[in-house]
Amino acid sequence: MNAVRRSIRRRAAEQLEQGRASGALARGLSAVWARRARVVRSIHWPDGVATVGVGGATLGGNGVTPTAIDLARELAELKLRVALIVRDYGARRQSSSAVRVAADASHVDVGDEAVMAATALAGTRGASVYAGRRDAAVRMASGSDLLIFDGVLQAAPRPFDLAVLCVHASTPWGAGRCPPAGDLRAPVDELVEAADVVVARGPTPCTIPGALVIEERLESARCLQTAQSLPLSAFTGMRVGVVLTVARPSRVLADLEKSGIRITRKVLLGDHQSLGSVLADSSDVDAWLMTPKCAAKVPPGHVSERVWVTRTSVMGLQPLAARVLQTCNLRGYDDSRIVTSDADK
């Protein structure tokens, strides 16, 4: 029964992504969604705190959380006190309060993206992750220089100091329609109007004028048990299984196949879904590959030398960090590492 439910959810997500529903009813419901779509969330924060919102154009697959994490890390390295505020998606019961997330927290309690963020930011200077109700997280993060809201494009009654709209570089507007005829979160003009800057993330050049491009390339993997790192080329001669619980698994699979990896087993689960016991049977694979978000849900008893987490190289983040420093008027910090382009001067 669980497998049937997973299959139904996966097919529904693929239908939205590919815009398969094109009938009159789907178009009508899509128009209703577009009229009622909300790109602004009600959030309150104290005076004197800089704020950045990072939202996506479609229902998943925009690189919102990775961009928020990368930005938090970059600005924390400048000795800013950065609080990254995420929702507890995938948690067993979404909280009415908030918690400060440790790298060893359980995704069952705080959600997979919160664990992924805390793991990625562990050891950085001044970056903290808070999960749960946003207003409660803001109160917990008091004393921070900068609040970064993961998954929120714009706020009211006060707008964010900087609103960042994330899109996938090759398909920025997804299927081009709101659900159920597509995966667009809101009409394009409303998304663009609410944003101060558009960030295109992915390996393909973006055609949106003025967009900041963050190029990412899948290059290596790290063993979840030993922390050993290997280039992806090391896996080309292995029987590789892939476990994914992300919104756009086809993109990850395509990147792996471009690297010459022979995928012998695919386990595609719903976004934010727990892995359960899928790693228990490893008889037909030499290595399991998964994203950091998926790795946040590996049960402790299934961590082994066969489980590897993909790692990407990121280029083009500094112009966005410079935009944050300039727009939020964050002065007096070590910004010598930030290179400002001519367009930003």
Protein backbone atom coordinates (compact mmCIF):
# COMPACT_ATOMS: atom_id res chain seq x y z
CA MET A 1 0.00 0.00 0.00
CA ASN A 2 2.84 2.43 0.83
CA ALA A 3 4.44 1.69 -2.51
CA VAL A 4 1.14 2.46 -4.26
CA ARG A 5 0.81 5.80 -2.45
CA ARG A 6 4.42 6.69 -3.34
CA SER A 7 3.76 5.87 -6.98
CA ILE A 8 0.61 8.00 -7.07
CA ARG A 9 2.39 11.00 -5.54
CA ARG A 10 5.32 10.64 -7.93
CA ARG A 11 3.07 10.43 -10.99
CA ALA A 12 1.10 13.47 -9.82
CA ALA A 13 4.30 15.49 -9.40
CA GLU A 14 5.51 14.45 -12.86
CA GLN A 15 2.14 15.43 -14.36
CA LEU A 16 2.45 18.93 -12.90
CA GLU A 17 6.07 19.29 -13.98
CA GLN A 18 5.35 18.26 -17.56
CA GLY A 19 2.01 20.05 -17.83
CA ARG A 20 0.16 16.93 -18.95
CA ALA A 21 -3.27 18.12 -17.77
CA SER A 22 -4.44 20.30 -20.64
CA GLY A 23 -8.21 19.88 -20.67
CA ALA A 24 -10.79 22.58 -20.06
CA LEU A 25 -11.24 21.61 -16.40
CA ALA A 26 -7.49 21.72 -15.74
CA ARG A 27 -7.21 25.12 -17.42
CA GLY A 28 -10.12 26.45 -15.41
CA LEU A 29 -8.71 25.25 -12.10
CA SER A 30 -5.32 26.63 -13.09
CA ALA A 31 -6.89 30.06 -13.62
CA VAL A 32 -8.47 29.86 -10.16
CA TRP A 33 -5.08 28.97 -8.62
CA ALA A 34 -3.46 31.89 -10.43
CA ARG A 35 -6.05 34.35 -9.08
CA ARG A 36 -5.66 33.11 -5.50
CA ALA A 37 -1.90 32.53 -5.47
CA ARG A 38 -0.05 34.27 -2.65
CA VAL A 39 3.55 35.33 -3.16
CA VAL A 40 3.56 37.38 0.06
CA ARG A 41 3.61 35.86 3.56
CA SER A 42 2.75 37.63 6.81
CA ILE A 43 5.97 37.73 8.88
CA HIS A 44 7.06 40.11 11.64
CA TRP A 45 10.60 40.85 12.81
CA PRO A 46 12.19 43.44 15.10
CA ASP A 47 13.63 46.72 13.88
CA GLY A 48 17.30 46.85 13.03
CA VAL A 49 17.52 43.35 11.53
CA ALA A 50 18.30 42.86 7.83
CA THR A 51 16.09 40.36 6.00
CA VAL A 52 16.37 38.32 2.80
CA GLY A 53 13.66 36.10 1.34
CA VAL A 54 14.51 33.26 -1.03
CA GLY A 55 11.54 31.81 -2.92
CA GLY A 56 10.99 29.66 -5.99
CA ALA A 57 9.03 30.04 -9.19
CA THR A 58 7.70 26.48 -9.33
CA LEU A 59 6.56 23.81 -6.88
CA GLY A 60 10.05 22.46 -6.21
CA GLY A 61 13.19 22.04 -8.25
CA ASN A 62 14.33 25.68 -8.20
CA GLY A 63 17.35 25.29 -5.92
CA VAL A 64 15.79 27.51 -3.25
CA THR A 65 17.17 25.76 -0.18
CA PRO A 66 20.67 25.17 -1.62
CA THR A 67 20.83 28.86 -2.59
CA ALA A 68 19.72 29.95 0.89
CA ILE A 69 22.31 27.65 2.47
CA ASP A 70 25.12 28.78 0.17
CA LEU A 71 24.26 32.42 0.81
CA ALA A 72 24.17 31.89 4.58
CA ARG A 73 27.59 30.21 4.48
CA GLU A 74 29.12 32.93 2.30
CA LEU A 75 27.88 35.76 4.53
CA ALA A 76 28.78 33.94 7.75
CA GLU A 77 32.36 33.75 6.48
CA LEU A 78 32.30 37.57 6.48
CA LYS A 79 31.70 37.39 10.25
CA LEU A 80 28.01 38.22 9.98
CA ARG A 81 25.63 36.56 12.43
CA VAL A 82 23.26 34.85 10.01
CA ALA A 83 20.06 33.00 10.94
CA LEU A 84 18.61 30.70 8.27
CA ILE A 85 14.92 30.08 8.91
CA VAL A 86 13.38 27.00 7.28
CA ARG A 87 10.04 25.24 7.56
CA ASP A 88 9.87 21.76 9.07
CA TYR A 89 8.76 20.03 5.85
CA GLY A 90 8.74 16.28 6.19
CA ALA A 91 8.63 16.37 9.99
CA ARG A 92 6.28 13.92 11.65
CA ARG A 93 4.25 16.79 13.09
CA GLN A 94 4.81 20.38 12.03
CA SER A 95 5.50 22.47 15.11
CA SER A 96 3.67 25.54 16.36
CA SER A 97 6.96 26.69 17.91
CA ALA A 98 10.54 26.69 16.67
CA VAL A 99 13.87 25.04 17.47
CA ARG A 100 17.53 25.72 16.79
CA VAL A 101 18.62 22.80 14.62
CA ALA A 102 21.79 20.81 15.30
CA ALA A 103 23.55 18.80 12.59
CA ASP A 104 22.67 15.55 14.38
CA ALA A 105 18.96 16.38 14.65
CA SER A 106 16.39 13.92 13.34
CA HIS A 107 14.45 14.73 10.19
CA VAL A 108 11.43 13.19 11.91
CA ASP A 109 11.46 16.07 14.39
CA VAL A 110 12.56 19.07 12.29
CA GLY A 111 12.27 18.04 8.62
CA ASP A 112 14.81 16.95 6.02
CA GLU A 113 15.71 20.42 4.72
CA ALA A 114 16.42 21.68 8.23
CA VAL A 115 18.82 18.79 8.86
CA MET A 116 20.44 19.29 5.46
CA ALA A 117 20.96 23.00 6.21
CA ALA A 118 22.35 22.39 9.70
CA THR A 119 24.75 19.76 8.34
CA ALA A 120 25.96 22.03 5.54
CA LEU A 121 26.49 25.00 7.88
CA ALA A 122 28.13 23.06 10.72
CA GLY A 123 31.46 24.65 11.58
CA THR A 124 30.77 27.98 9.88
CA ARG A 125 31.18 31.20 11.80
CA GLY A 126 27.92 32.71 12.94
CA ALA A 127 25.41 30.72 10.87
CA SER A 128 22.47 29.12 12.70
CA VAL A 129 19.44 27.21 11.45
CA TYR A 130 15.96 27.51 12.96
CA ALA A 131 13.02 25.33 11.98
CA GLY A 132 9.31 25.51 12.73
CA ARG A 133 6.85 28.36 12.85
CA ARG A 134 8.45 31.39 11.24
CA ASP A 135 7.38 34.03 13.77
CA ALA A 136 8.66 31.84 16.60
CA ALA A 137 11.92 31.26 14.74
CA VAL A 138 12.37 35.00 14.31
CA ARG A 139 12.04 35.47 18.06
CA MET A 140 14.61 32.74 18.70
CA ALA A 141 17.02 34.33 16.20
CA SER A 142 16.98 37.71 17.94
CA GLY A 143 20.45 39.19 18.00
CA SER A 144 21.29 38.11 14.46
CA ASP A 145 22.54 40.60 11.89
CA LEU A 146 20.67 38.96 9.03
CA LEU A 147 17.63 36.70 8.71
CA ILE A 148 17.39 34.53 5.58
CA PHE A 149 13.95 33.02 5.01
CA ASP A 150 14.06 29.79 3.03
CA GLY A 151 11.03 29.29 0.80
CA VAL A 152 9.49 32.76 1.16
CA LEU A 153 9.72 35.26 -1.68
CA GLN A 154 8.16 38.35 -0.10
CA ALA A 155 6.75 39.45 3.27
CA ALA A 156 4.14 41.78 4.75
CA PRO A 157 3.46 44.18 6.35
CA ARG A 158 7.11 45.10 5.78
CA PRO A 159 8.79 43.79 2.61
CA PHE A 160 12.11 42.01 2.86
CA ASP A 161 15.22 44.12 2.32
CA LEU A 162 15.98 41.80 -0.59
CA ALA A 163 13.59 39.35 -2.26
CA VAL A 164 15.34 36.62 -4.27
CA LEU A 165 13.41 34.59 -6.84
CA CYS A 166 15.12 31.30 -7.68
CA VAL A 167 14.48 29.58 -11.01
CA HIS A 168 15.99 26.60 -12.74
CA ALA A 169 18.28 27.90 -15.47
CA SER A 170 16.97 25.75 -18.33
CA THR A 171 13.25 25.76 -17.41
CA PRO A 172 12.70 28.91 -15.30
CA TRP A 173 8.90 28.88 -15.44
CA GLY A 174 8.37 25.11 -15.40
CA ALA A 175 5.34 24.04 -17.42
CA GLY A 176 4.23 27.69 -17.65
CA ARG A 177 0.89 27.27 -15.88
CA CYS A 178 -0.35 27.02 -12.32
CA PRO A 179 -1.66 23.67 -10.96
CA PRO A 180 -3.23 21.43 -12.00
CA ALA A 181 -2.22 22.34 -15.56
CA GLY A 182 1.40 22.96 -14.55
CA ASP A 183 3.81 23.53 -11.68
CA LEU A 184 4.10 27.33 -11.66
CA ARG A 185 3.63 28.66 -8.12
CA ALA A 186 2.00 31.93 -9.27
CA PRO A 187 1.71 33.97 -12.48
CA VAL A 188 5.11 34.96 -13.83
CA ASP A 189 4.41 38.71 -13.73
CA GLU A 190 3.46 38.51 -10.04
CA LEU A 191 6.58 36.52 -9.16
CA VAL A 192 8.85 38.93 -10.99
CA GLU A 193 7.12 41.97 -9.51
CA ALA A 194 7.58 40.64 -5.98
CA ALA A 195 11.29 39.92 -6.54
CA ASP A 196 14.26 42.30 -6.35
CA VAL A 197 16.60 39.88 -8.08
CA VAL A 198 16.20 36.68 -10.09
CA VAL A 199 18.76 33.92 -9.51
CA ALA A 200 19.03 31.19 -12.14
CA ARG A 201 20.62 28.01 -10.80
CA GLY A 202 21.79 25.06 -12.83
CA PRO A 203 24.28 23.89 -15.45
CA THR A 204 22.56 25.60 -18.40
CA PRO A 205 22.77 29.33 -19.32
CA CYS A 206 19.62 31.30 -18.50
CA THR A 207 17.78 33.53 -20.97
CA ILE A 208 16.14 35.82 -18.36
CA PRO A 209 17.62 39.33 -18.78
CA GLY A 210 19.51 40.57 -15.74
CA ALA A 211 19.35 37.27 -13.85
CA LEU A 212 22.27 36.31 -11.63
CA VAL A 213 23.50 32.88 -12.67
CA ILE A 214 24.71 30.37 -10.09
CA GLU A 215 26.30 27.51 -11.97
CA GLU A 216 26.43 24.16 -10.21
CA ARG A 217 28.07 20.96 -11.36
CA LEU A 218 27.81 17.51 -9.88
CA GLU A 219 31.43 16.46 -9.36
CA SER A 220 31.97 14.08 -6.44
CA ALA A 221 30.42 12.06 -3.64
CA ARG A 222 31.18 11.62 0.06
CA CYS A 223 30.78 8.38 2.00
CA LEU A 224 28.17 8.92 4.70
CA GLN A 225 29.97 6.56 7.09
CA THR A 226 33.67 7.39 6.59
CA ALA A 227 33.48 10.91 5.05
CA GLN A 228 35.82 9.74 2.29
CA SER A 229 35.38 11.77 -0.91
CA LEU A 230 35.66 10.38 -4.44
CA PRO A 231 35.13 11.93 -7.89
CA LEU A 232 32.07 10.67 -9.72
CA SER A 233 34.35 8.99 -12.23
CA ALA A 234 35.26 6.48 -9.50
CA PHE A 235 31.72 5.08 -9.66
CA THR A 236 31.63 4.41 -13.41
CA GLY A 237 32.68 0.79 -13.02
CA MET A 238 30.31 0.02 -10.16
CA ARG A 239 26.77 -1.22 -9.90
CA VAL A 240 25.14 1.97 -8.61
CA GLY A 241 21.78 2.32 -6.93
CA VAL A 242 20.16 5.75 -6.68
CA VAL A 243 17.70 6.77 -3.95
CA LEU A 244 15.96 10.12 -4.40
CA THR A 245 13.33 11.97 -2.38
CA VAL A 246 13.45 15.27 -4.25
CA ALA A 247 11.02 17.25 -6.38
CA ARG A 248 12.82 16.74 -9.71
CA PRO A 249 14.58 13.35 -9.67
CA SER A 250 14.95 13.26 -13.44
CA ARG A 251 17.48 16.11 -13.29
CA VAL A 252 19.69 14.27 -10.79
CA LEU A 253 19.47 11.07 -12.81
CA ALA A 254 20.43 12.92 -15.99
CA ASP A 255 23.48 14.49 -14.31
CA LEU A 256 24.63 11.10 -13.02
CA GLU A 257 24.18 9.44 -16.39
CA LYS A 258 26.13 12.25 -18.09
CA SER A 259 29.00 11.35 -15.77
CA GLY A 260 29.07 7.85 -17.23
CA ILE A 261 27.57 6.15 -14.19
CA ARG A 262 25.63 2.94 -14.83
CA ILE A 263 22.51 3.05 -12.68
CA THR A 264 21.37 -0.48 -11.98
CA ARG A 265 18.65 0.34 -9.46
CA LYS A 266 16.42 3.38 -9.01
CA VAL A 267 14.31 4.14 -5.95
CA LEU A 268 12.27 7.31 -6.52
CA LEU A 269 10.20 8.42 -3.54
CA GLY A 270 8.01 11.45 -2.90
CA ASP A 271 9.53 14.81 -2.00
CA HIS A 272 10.36 14.96 1.76
CA GLN A 273 9.39 11.29 2.16
CA SER A 274 11.26 9.03 4.61
CA LEU A 275 13.52 6.34 3.17
CA GLY A 276 12.22 3.58 5.38
CA SER A 277 14.03 0.30 4.75
CA VAL A 278 14.89 0.80 1.06
CA LEU A 279 18.64 0.56 1.82
CA ALA A 280 18.30 -2.72 3.68
CA ASP A 281 18.64 -4.83 0.50
CA SER A 282 21.97 -3.88 -1.09
CA SER A 283 22.73 -7.23 -2.69
CA ASP A 284 22.55 -5.91 -6.25
CA VAL A 285 24.50 -2.64 -5.79
CA ASP A 286 28.09 -1.70 -4.92
CA ALA A 287 27.17 1.86 -3.92
CA TRP A 288 24.06 3.92 -3.19
CA LEU A 289 24.09 7.53 -4.40
CA MET A 290 21.75 10.20 -3.05
CA THR A 291 21.55 13.97 -2.58
CA PRO A 292 22.28 15.73 0.75
CA LYS A 293 18.55 16.21 1.26
CA CYS A 294 17.96 12.48 0.86
CA ALA A 295 20.93 11.64 3.10
CA ALA A 296 19.29 13.61 5.93
CA LYS A 297 16.72 10.80 6.14
CA VAL A 298 19.00 7.74 6.18
CA PRO A 299 18.11 5.69 9.28
CA PRO A 300 21.11 5.29 11.65
CA GLY A 301 21.03 1.52 11.24
CA HIS A 302 21.42 1.82 7.46
CA VAL A 303 24.52 4.05 7.41
CA SER A 304 27.27 2.02 5.73
CA GLU A 305 30.29 2.28 3.45
CA ARG A 306 27.94 1.75 0.50
CA VAL A 307 25.98 4.98 1.08
CA TRP A 308 27.41 8.02 -0.73
CA VAL A 309 26.16 11.62 -0.84
CA THR A 310 26.57 13.66 -4.02
CA ARG A 311 28.43 16.97 -3.87
CA THR A 312 28.23 19.89 -6.30
CA SER A 313 30.61 22.72 -7.04
CA VAL A 314 28.99 26.16 -7.06
CA MET A 315 30.18 29.20 -9.02
CA GLY A 316 28.68 32.69 -9.26
CA LEU A 317 27.49 33.14 -5.68
CA GLN A 318 29.55 36.25 -4.89
CA PRO A 319 27.45 38.74 -6.90
CA LEU A 320 24.39 37.71 -4.88
CA ALA A 321 26.30 38.08 -1.59
CA ALA A 322 27.48 41.51 -2.71
CA ARG A 323 23.90 42.48 -3.54
CA VAL A 324 22.81 41.48 -0.03
CA LEU A 325 25.57 43.53 1.61
CA GLN A 326 24.76 46.57 -0.51
CA THR A 327 20.96 46.42 -0.29
CA CYS A 328 20.82 45.60 3.42
CA ASN A 329 23.44 48.27 4.17
CA LEU A 330 25.55 45.77 6.11
CA ARG A 331 28.77 47.64 6.78
CA GLY A 332 31.84 47.11 8.89
CA TYR A 333 32.31 43.44 8.02
CA ASP A 334 35.11 41.60 6.30
CA ASP A 335 33.84 41.96 2.75
CA SER A 336 37.27 41.70 1.11
CA ARG A 337 36.34 38.22 -0.16
CA ILE A 338 33.37 39.59 -2.11
CA VAL A 339 34.12 40.59 -5.69
CA THR A 340 31.56 43.07 -7.00
CA SER A 341 30.88 42.97 -10.73
CA ASP A 342 30.70 46.10 -12.84
CA ALA A 343 26.93 45.68 -13.01
CA ASP A 344 26.70 45.91 -9.23
CA LYS A 345 28.84 49.01 -8.83
